[in-house]
Amino acid sequence: MDAKARARTTFSTQDHLEVRDIVDDLIVTKTGTVAMIIQTSAINFDLLAEYEQDSKVYAFAGLLNSLNFHIQILIRTKRVDISNYVDYLKSQEHNTMSEGLRKQLQIYTQFVQNLIIQNDVLDKNFFLVIPYNPAGEIPVSKIFPSKKEKKETERYQQIKQEQLIEKAKIFLSPKRDHMLKQLARMGLVGHQLTTKELITELYTIYNPDDEFNIR
């Protein structure tokens, strides 16, 4: 293996990521773009009555029509291992309870076991990404630009990070407040991810089989 080949193998995973830093609850990319992430709750649309579905659709249309800035809707799905939950249910059978309640517990435990066997248990998380670019607002798809676009934004990378973050906060804070109000109109609860939450989410995306805890 020559020197160039060895050099290529010494790069860490972080060298291939677009994220430069996470600070003050914001993601800073290597091109100088800053992104705020809002996590939101969800609604089981199929369980709503028809008039409730219509209400949600109109509220979502109102949200889209109210936007004068770019957003990205991100849905992250991952498989969940609930075998520990089954073990917990089985352990509860040894507690003092009526025979009727014990029978119901056994039925429910069997139901959960069958659910695991027949289906993947999935956990879904919903996020809204609001970007800020010091060069001017650009489509969300440009948050991760091509090589040519990277060169065009190199001069913006020289901006001191402190100045960039302050400008981003001024730009993004009212957008965040607007989105939270619109989500509330739809019956959803949203919150801006903190620095710790952002680190955890990014780690989970790139290491789906690992558990990661931050204190």
Protein backbone atom coordinates (compact mmCIF):
# COMPACT_ATOMS: atom_id res chain seq x y z
CA MET A 1 0.00 0.00 0.00
CA ASP A 2 1.54 3.33 -1.07
CA ALA A 3 1.54 6.56 0.96
CA LYS A 4 -1.46 8.01 -0.85
CA ALA A 5 -3.51 4.89 -0.23
CA ARG A 6 -2.55 4.90 3.44
CA ALA A 7 -3.54 8.56 3.70
CA ARG A 8 -6.94 7.81 2.24
CA THR A 9 -7.59 5.11 4.84
CA THR A 10 -6.81 7.41 7.79
CA PHE A 11 -9.85 9.62 7.26
CA SER A 12 -12.46 9.31 9.99
CA THR A 13 -16.19 9.07 9.39
CA GLN A 14 -16.53 12.70 10.44
CA ASP A 15 -14.38 13.76 7.48
CA HIS A 16 -17.15 12.56 5.15
CA LEU A 17 -20.01 14.31 6.99
CA GLU A 18 -21.30 17.74 6.04
CA VAL A 19 -21.72 18.73 9.69
CA ARG A 20 -18.95 21.01 10.95
CA ASP A 21 -20.29 21.73 14.41
CA ILE A 22 -23.36 21.68 16.65
CA VAL A 23 -23.61 24.73 18.86
CA ASP A 24 -26.38 26.62 20.65
CA ASP A 25 -28.98 24.07 19.45
CA LEU A 26 -28.06 24.65 15.80
CA ILE A 27 -26.27 22.52 13.18
CA VAL A 28 -23.46 24.25 11.28
CA THR A 29 -22.40 22.64 7.99
CA LYS A 30 -18.97 22.81 6.40
CA THR A 31 -20.33 25.19 3.75
CA GLY A 32 -21.47 27.70 6.37
CA THR A 33 -25.17 26.87 6.27
CA VAL A 34 -26.96 26.70 9.63
CA ALA A 35 -30.01 24.53 10.29
CA MET A 36 -32.55 24.48 13.09
CA ILE A 37 -34.38 21.20 13.72
CA ILE A 38 -37.90 21.01 15.14
CA GLN A 39 -39.26 17.65 16.27
CA THR A 40 -43.01 17.25 16.16
CA SER A 41 -45.57 14.77 17.42
CA ALA A 42 -47.82 12.82 15.05
CA ILE A 43 -51.48 11.96 14.57
CA ASN A 44 -52.95 8.65 13.43
CA PHE A 45 -54.89 10.10 10.51
CA ASP A 46 -56.78 6.87 9.74
CA LEU A 47 -58.37 6.80 13.20
CA LEU A 48 -59.91 10.27 12.83
CA ALA A 49 -63.50 10.89 11.84
CA GLU A 50 -64.00 12.31 8.34
CA TYR A 51 -64.66 15.85 9.59
CA GLU A 52 -61.53 15.65 11.75
CA GLN A 53 -59.47 14.52 8.76
CA ASP A 54 -60.79 17.45 6.72
CA SER A 55 -59.86 19.82 9.55
CA LYS A 56 -56.29 18.48 9.66
CA VAL A 57 -55.92 18.73 5.88
CA TYR A 58 -57.10 22.36 5.89
CA ALA A 59 -54.78 23.18 8.78
CA PHE A 60 -51.82 21.61 6.95
CA ALA A 61 -52.72 23.52 3.79
CA GLY A 62 -52.81 26.69 5.89
CA LEU A 63 -49.33 25.90 7.23
CA LEU A 64 -47.92 25.45 3.73
CA ASN A 65 -49.58 28.60 2.42
CA SER A 66 -48.21 30.62 5.34
CA LEU A 67 -44.57 29.81 4.56
CA ASN A 68 -42.30 32.39 2.98
CA PHE A 69 -39.13 30.41 3.76
CA HIS A 70 -37.80 26.96 2.95
CA ILE A 71 -38.37 23.91 5.15
CA GLN A 72 -37.61 20.21 4.87
CA ILE A 73 -39.86 17.50 6.31
CA LEU A 74 -37.82 14.55 7.56
CA ILE A 75 -39.24 11.23 8.78
CA ARG A 76 -36.85 8.79 10.45
CA THR A 77 -37.99 5.19 10.88
CA LYS A 78 -36.16 2.56 12.92
CA ARG A 79 -36.94 -0.94 14.14
CA VAL A 80 -37.57 -1.30 17.86
CA ASP A 81 -36.67 -4.33 19.96
CA ILE A 82 -39.46 -4.84 22.53
CA SER A 83 -38.39 -8.26 23.73
CA ASN A 84 -37.51 -6.71 27.09
CA TYR A 85 -41.10 -5.50 27.34
CA VAL A 86 -42.34 -9.07 26.80
CA ASP A 87 -40.03 -10.28 29.60
CA TYR A 88 -41.43 -7.54 31.83
CA LEU A 89 -45.02 -8.62 31.12
CA LYS A 90 -44.19 -12.24 31.93
CA SER A 91 -42.58 -11.21 35.21
CA GLN A 92 -45.78 -9.42 36.23
CA GLU A 93 -47.69 -12.72 36.20
CA HIS A 94 -46.02 -13.60 39.51
CA ASN A 95 -47.53 -10.56 41.24
CA THR A 96 -50.65 -10.79 43.36
CA MET A 97 -53.73 -10.25 41.21
CA SER A 98 -57.11 -11.78 40.47
CA GLU A 99 -57.36 -14.74 38.14
CA GLY A 100 -59.35 -12.67 35.67
CA LEU A 101 -56.66 -9.98 35.55
CA ARG A 102 -53.92 -12.62 35.26
CA LYS A 103 -55.76 -14.19 32.30
CA GLN A 104 -56.04 -10.80 30.57
CA LEU A 105 -52.32 -10.20 31.14
CA GLN A 106 -51.48 -13.56 29.56
CA ILE A 107 -53.68 -12.79 26.55
CA TYR A 108 -52.04 -9.39 26.11
CA THR A 109 -48.53 -10.90 26.47
CA GLN A 110 -49.32 -13.46 23.78
CA PHE A 111 -50.66 -10.70 21.54
CA VAL A 112 -47.41 -8.74 21.86
CA GLN A 113 -45.33 -11.86 21.17
CA ASN A 114 -47.33 -12.58 18.01
CA LEU A 115 -46.92 -8.97 16.95
CA ILE A 116 -43.14 -9.29 17.17
CA ILE A 117 -43.14 -12.53 15.17
CA GLN A 118 -45.45 -11.34 12.40
CA ASN A 119 -44.36 -7.71 12.04
CA ASP A 120 -41.45 -5.36 12.50
CA VAL A 121 -42.18 -2.96 15.34
CA LEU A 122 -41.26 0.48 14.03
CA ASP A 123 -40.65 3.78 15.75
CA LYS A 124 -41.16 6.92 13.65
CA ASN A 125 -39.80 10.36 14.42
CA PHE A 126 -40.87 13.49 12.57
CA PHE A 127 -38.69 16.56 12.07
CA LEU A 128 -38.86 19.93 10.35
CA VAL A 129 -35.56 21.41 9.14
CA ILE A 130 -35.30 25.18 8.71
CA PRO A 131 -32.07 26.33 6.99
CA TYR A 132 -30.21 29.63 7.08
CA ASN A 133 -27.60 30.49 4.46
CA PRO A 134 -25.54 33.69 4.89
CA ALA A 135 -25.35 33.94 1.09
CA GLY A 136 -29.13 34.28 0.98
CA GLU A 137 -32.01 31.86 1.23
CA ILE A 138 -31.56 28.80 -0.97
CA PRO A 139 -33.58 25.61 -1.51
CA VAL A 140 -33.23 23.04 1.24
CA SER A 141 -31.76 20.62 -1.29
CA LYS A 142 -28.75 22.94 -1.44
CA ILE A 143 -27.89 22.46 2.23
CA PHE A 144 -25.72 19.58 0.98
CA PRO A 145 -24.35 21.09 -2.24
CA SER A 146 -22.28 19.64 -5.05
CA LYS A 147 -18.52 20.23 -5.36
CA LYS A 148 -19.12 23.19 -7.66
CA GLU A 149 -21.57 24.76 -5.23
CA LYS A 150 -19.10 24.21 -2.38
CA LYS A 151 -16.49 26.28 -4.20
CA GLU A 152 -19.01 29.06 -4.73
CA THR A 153 -19.68 29.26 -0.98
CA GLU A 154 -16.07 29.00 0.22
CA ARG A 155 -15.82 32.72 0.90
CA TYR A 156 -18.72 32.46 3.33
CA GLN A 157 -16.87 29.87 5.37
CA GLN A 158 -14.50 32.59 6.56
CA ILE A 159 -17.24 34.21 8.61
CA LYS A 160 -16.49 33.77 12.28
CA GLN A 161 -18.71 31.07 13.71
CA GLU A 162 -19.90 33.34 16.53
CA GLN A 163 -21.13 35.90 14.00
CA LEU A 164 -22.71 33.20 11.87
CA ILE A 165 -24.60 31.74 14.83
CA GLU A 166 -25.89 35.14 15.95
CA LYS A 167 -27.14 35.96 12.45
CA ALA A 168 -28.72 32.51 12.19
CA LYS A 169 -30.57 32.97 15.50
CA ILE A 170 -32.01 36.30 14.35
CA PHE A 171 -33.17 34.69 11.10
CA LEU A 172 -34.40 31.35 12.47
CA SER A 173 -36.05 32.25 15.78
CA PRO A 174 -39.17 33.90 14.27
CA LYS A 175 -39.43 31.04 11.78
CA ARG A 176 -39.36 28.56 14.65
CA ASP A 177 -42.08 30.43 16.56
CA HIS A 178 -44.24 30.57 13.44
CA MET A 179 -43.88 26.83 12.83
CA LEU A 180 -44.72 25.98 16.43
CA LYS A 181 -47.90 28.06 16.24
CA GLN A 182 -48.93 26.40 12.97
CA LEU A 183 -48.25 22.95 14.40
CA ALA A 184 -50.39 23.77 17.44
CA ARG A 185 -53.27 24.66 15.08
CA MET A 186 -53.01 21.12 13.72
CA GLY A 187 -53.09 19.64 17.22
CA LEU A 188 -49.38 18.79 17.14
CA VAL A 189 -46.69 19.53 19.70
CA GLY A 190 -43.27 20.62 18.46
CA HIS A 191 -40.02 21.65 20.08
CA GLN A 192 -36.60 22.72 18.87
CA LEU A 193 -33.99 20.02 19.38
CA THR A 194 -31.24 20.95 21.83
CA THR A 195 -27.54 20.44 21.21
CA LYS A 196 -27.58 17.16 23.15
CA GLU A 197 -30.63 15.93 21.26
CA LEU A 198 -29.06 16.84 17.91
CA ILE A 199 -25.87 14.95 18.75
CA THR A 200 -27.90 11.92 19.80
CA GLU A 201 -30.04 11.97 16.65
CA LEU A 202 -27.04 12.28 14.32
CA TYR A 203 -25.20 9.51 16.14
CA THR A 204 -28.26 7.27 15.88
CA ILE A 205 -28.60 7.93 12.14
CA TYR A 206 -25.00 6.92 11.41
CA ASN A 207 -24.86 4.16 14.06
CA PRO A 208 -28.34 2.59 13.99
CA ASP A 209 -27.31 -0.53 15.92
CA ASP A 210 -25.70 1.30 18.82
CA GLU A 211 -27.24 2.89 21.88
CA PHE A 212 -25.96 6.36 22.67
CA ASN A 213 -26.53 8.35 25.86
CA ILE A 214 -25.32 11.85 26.67
CA ARG A 215 -25.17 13.26 30.15
